[in-house]
C-alpha atoms as a PDB file:
ATOM      1  CA  MET A   1     -19.816 -10.039  -2.355  1.00  0.00           C
ATOM      2  CA  LYS A   2     -19.376  -6.370  -1.594  1.00  0.00           C
ATOM      3  CA  LEU A   3     -15.992  -4.648  -2.368  1.00  0.00           C
ATOM      4  CA  ASP A   4     -14.946  -1.259  -0.768  1.00  0.00           C
ATOM      5  CA  ILE A   5     -11.864   0.888  -2.097  1.00  0.00           C
ATOM      6  CA  SER A   6     -10.315   3.734  -0.423  1.00  0.00           C
ATOM      7  CA  LEU A   7      -8.551   6.058  -2.275  1.00  0.00           C
ATOM      8  CA  THR A   8      -5.852   8.660  -1.194  1.00  0.00           C
ATOM      9  CA  GLU A   9      -6.422  12.317  -2.196  1.00  0.00           C
ATOM     10  CA  ALA A  10      -3.844  12.284  -4.796  1.00  0.00           C
ATOM     11  CA  GLU A  11      -5.373   8.838  -6.253  1.00  0.00           C
ATOM     12  CA  GLU A  12      -8.737  10.637  -6.335  1.00  0.00           C
ATOM     13  CA  LEU A  13      -7.521  13.612  -8.082  1.00  0.00           C
ATOM     14  CA  ALA A  14      -5.581  11.308 -10.611  1.00  0.00           C
ATOM     15  CA  LEU A  15      -8.650   9.251 -11.167  1.00  0.00           C
ATOM     16  CA  SER A  16     -10.730  12.457 -11.910  1.00  0.00           C
ATOM     17  CA  THR A  17      -8.657  13.209 -14.718  1.00  0.00           C
ATOM     18  CA  ILE A  18      -9.944  10.108 -16.643  1.00  0.00           C
ATOM     19  CA  ALA A  19     -13.414   9.671 -15.019  1.00  0.00           C
ATOM     20  CA  VAL A  20     -16.381  12.098 -14.479  1.00  0.00           C
ATOM     21  CA  ASP A  21     -17.629   9.670 -11.766  1.00  0.00           C
ATOM     22  CA  PRO A  22     -14.716   7.662 -10.404  1.00  0.00           C
ATOM     23  CA  ALA A  23     -17.222   5.184  -8.356  1.00  0.00           C
ATOM     24  CA  GLU A  24     -19.045   4.422 -11.515  1.00  0.00           C
ATOM     25  CA  TRP A  25     -15.937   4.248 -13.594  1.00  0.00           C
ATOM     26  CA  ILE A  26     -14.462   1.712 -11.292  1.00  0.00           C
ATOM     27  CA  GLU A  27     -17.750  -0.414 -11.162  1.00  0.00           C
ATOM     28  CA  ASN A  28     -17.996  -0.389 -14.934  1.00  0.00           C
ATOM     29  CA  PHE A  29     -14.539  -1.355 -15.149  1.00  0.00           C
ATOM     30  CA  VAL A  30     -14.729  -4.373 -12.844  1.00  0.00           C
ATOM     31  CA  ARG A  31     -17.975  -5.316 -14.450  1.00  0.00           C
ATOM     32  CA  GLU A  32     -16.383  -5.475 -17.879  1.00  0.00           C
ATOM     33  CA  ARG A  33     -13.571  -7.581 -16.622  1.00  0.00           C
ATOM     34  CA  ILE A  34     -15.839  -9.955 -14.948  1.00  0.00           C
ATOM     35  CA  ARG A  35     -18.034 -10.270 -18.364  1.00  0.00           C
ATOM     36  CA  LEU A  36     -14.607 -11.020 -20.381  1.00  0.00           C
ATOM     37  CA  ALA A  37     -13.865 -13.626 -17.647  1.00  0.00           C
ATOM     38  CA  LYS A  38     -17.080 -15.126 -17.982  1.00  0.00           C
ATOM     39  CA  ASP A  39     -16.756 -15.114 -21.654  1.00  0.00           C
ATOM     40  CA  GLU A  40     -13.698 -17.067 -21.556  1.00  0.00           C
ATOM     41  CA  ILE A  41     -14.948 -19.756 -18.928  1.00  0.00           C
ATOM     42  CA  VAL A  42     -18.175 -20.290 -21.041  1.00  0.00           C
ATOM     43  CA  ALA A  43     -16.347 -20.665 -24.276  1.00  0.00           C
ATOM     44  CA  ALA A  44     -14.064 -23.282 -22.771  1.00  0.00           C
ATOM     45  CA  GLU A  45     -16.677 -24.987 -20.927  1.00  0.00           C
ATOM     46  CA  ILE A  46     -19.039 -25.269 -23.879  1.00  0.00           C
ATOM     47  CA  HIS A  47     -16.123 -26.459 -25.995  1.00  0.00           C
ATOM     48  CA  ARG A  48     -14.892 -29.221 -23.327  1.00  0.00           C
ATOM     49  CA  ARG A  49     -18.716 -30.371 -22.980  1.00  0.00           C
ATOM     50  CA  LEU A  50     -19.426 -30.557 -26.817  1.00  0.00           C
ATOM     51  CA  ASP A  51     -16.076 -32.560 -27.051  1.00  0.00           C
ATOM     52  CA  SER A  52     -17.017 -34.903 -24.280  1.00  0.00           C
ATOM     53  CA  GLY A  53     -20.646 -35.209 -24.955  1.00  0.00           C
ATOM     54  CA  ALA A  54     -21.668 -33.742 -21.642  1.00  0.00           C
ATOM     55  CA  THR A  55     -25.150 -31.727 -21.227  1.00  0.00           C
ATOM     56  CA  ILE A  56     -24.604 -27.887 -21.238  1.00  0.00           C
ATOM     57  CA  PRO A  57     -26.107 -26.012 -18.481  1.00  0.00           C
ATOM     58  CA  ALA A  58     -29.098 -23.767 -19.743  1.00  0.00           C
ATOM     59  CA  SER A  59     -27.534 -20.162 -18.853  1.00  0.00           C
ATOM     60  CA  ARG A  60     -24.230 -18.404 -18.825  1.00  0.00           C
ATOM     61  CA  GLU A  61     -24.463 -18.205 -15.042  1.00  0.00           C
ATOM     62  CA  ALA A  62     -25.025 -21.925 -14.578  1.00  0.00           C
ATOM     63  CA  ILE A  63     -22.120 -22.682 -16.863  1.00  0.00           C
ATOM     64  CA  VAL A  64     -19.845 -20.572 -14.765  1.00  0.00           C
ATOM     65  CA  ILE A  65     -20.945 -22.050 -11.594  1.00  0.00           C
ATOM     66  CA  ALA A  66     -20.769 -25.775 -13.111  1.00  0.00           C
ATOM     67  CA  ALA A  67     -17.089 -24.880 -14.402  1.00  0.00           C
ATOM     68  CA  PHE A  68     -16.017 -24.266 -10.909  1.00  0.00           C
ATOM     69  CA  SER A  69     -18.016 -26.922  -8.965  1.00  0.00           C
ATOM     70  CA  GLU A  70     -16.862 -29.708 -11.314  1.00  0.00           C
ATOM     71  CA  GLY A  71     -13.410 -28.523 -11.184  1.00  0.00           C
ATOM     72  CA  ASP A  72     -12.829 -27.515 -14.703  1.00  0.00           C
ATOM     73  CA  THR A  73     -11.907 -24.092 -13.904  1.00  0.00           C
ATOM     74  CA  VAL A  74     -10.005 -22.987 -10.728  1.00  0.00           C
ATOM     75  CA  SER A  75      -9.639 -19.521  -9.435  1.00  0.00           C
ATOM     76  CA  ALA A  76      -6.580 -17.349  -9.729  1.00  0.00           C
ATOM     77  CA  ALA A  77      -5.779 -17.775  -6.044  1.00  0.00           C
ATOM     78  CA  ASP A  78      -5.853 -21.637  -6.300  1.00  0.00           C
ATOM     79  CA  ARG A  79      -3.478 -21.333  -9.420  1.00  0.00           C
ATOM     80  CA  HIS A  80      -1.144 -19.133  -7.646  1.00  0.00           C
ATOM     81  CA  MET A  81      -0.997 -21.494  -4.603  1.00  0.00           C
ATOM     82  CA  ALA A  82      -0.356 -24.441  -6.776  1.00  0.00           C
ATOM     83  CA  ALA A  83       2.558 -22.537  -8.629  1.00  0.00           C
ATOM     84  CA  MET A  84       3.864 -21.368  -5.086  1.00  0.00           C
ATOM     85  CA  ALA A  85       3.659 -25.135  -3.861  1.00  0.00           C
ATOM     86  CA  ALA A  86       5.420 -26.525  -6.896  1.00  0.00           C
ATOM     87  CA  ALA A  87       8.197 -23.720  -6.664  1.00  0.00           C
ATOM     88  CA  THR A  88       9.028 -24.933  -3.081  1.00  0.00           C
ATOM     89  CA  GLU A  89       9.228 -28.672  -3.994  1.00  0.00           C
ATOM     90  CA  PRO A  90      12.599 -30.169  -3.863  1.00  0.00           C
ATOM     91  CA  ALA A  91      14.121 -30.544  -7.265  1.00  0.00           C
ATOM     92  CA  GLY A  92      15.379 -34.055  -6.689  1.00  0.00           C
ATOM     93  CA  PRO A  93      18.880 -35.288  -6.404  1.00  0.00           C
ATOM     94  CA  PRO A  94      21.593 -33.204  -8.197  1.00  0.00           C
ATOM     95  CA  ALA A  95      22.650 -34.621 -11.616  1.00  0.00           C
ATOM     96  CA  GLU A  96      25.978 -36.717 -11.778  1.00  0.00           C
ATOM     97  CA  PRO A  97      29.111 -34.831 -13.286  1.00  0.00           C
ATOM     98  CA  ALA A  98      29.782 -35.736 -16.931  1.00  0.00           C
END
């Protein structure tokens, strides 16, 4: 996946106050957040697999891929869509007055 970002002049100037190299700073920020997400997925998946007696894949990359392909981990987009669908479902019949 390749990501591109465009900044306004004001955004670039603001970012330059906290980063010597804005592109490098953004890449480091994203990679660190990815590392944290992978750590969370790996920890949860290892715990789940140990509890169930399932085989644990040999690498962190393989654990993350298996967690998604087996449905044990879902993307934020999928969780958001499920929450939106649940919010639009009818609540059912109104309660009877007491």
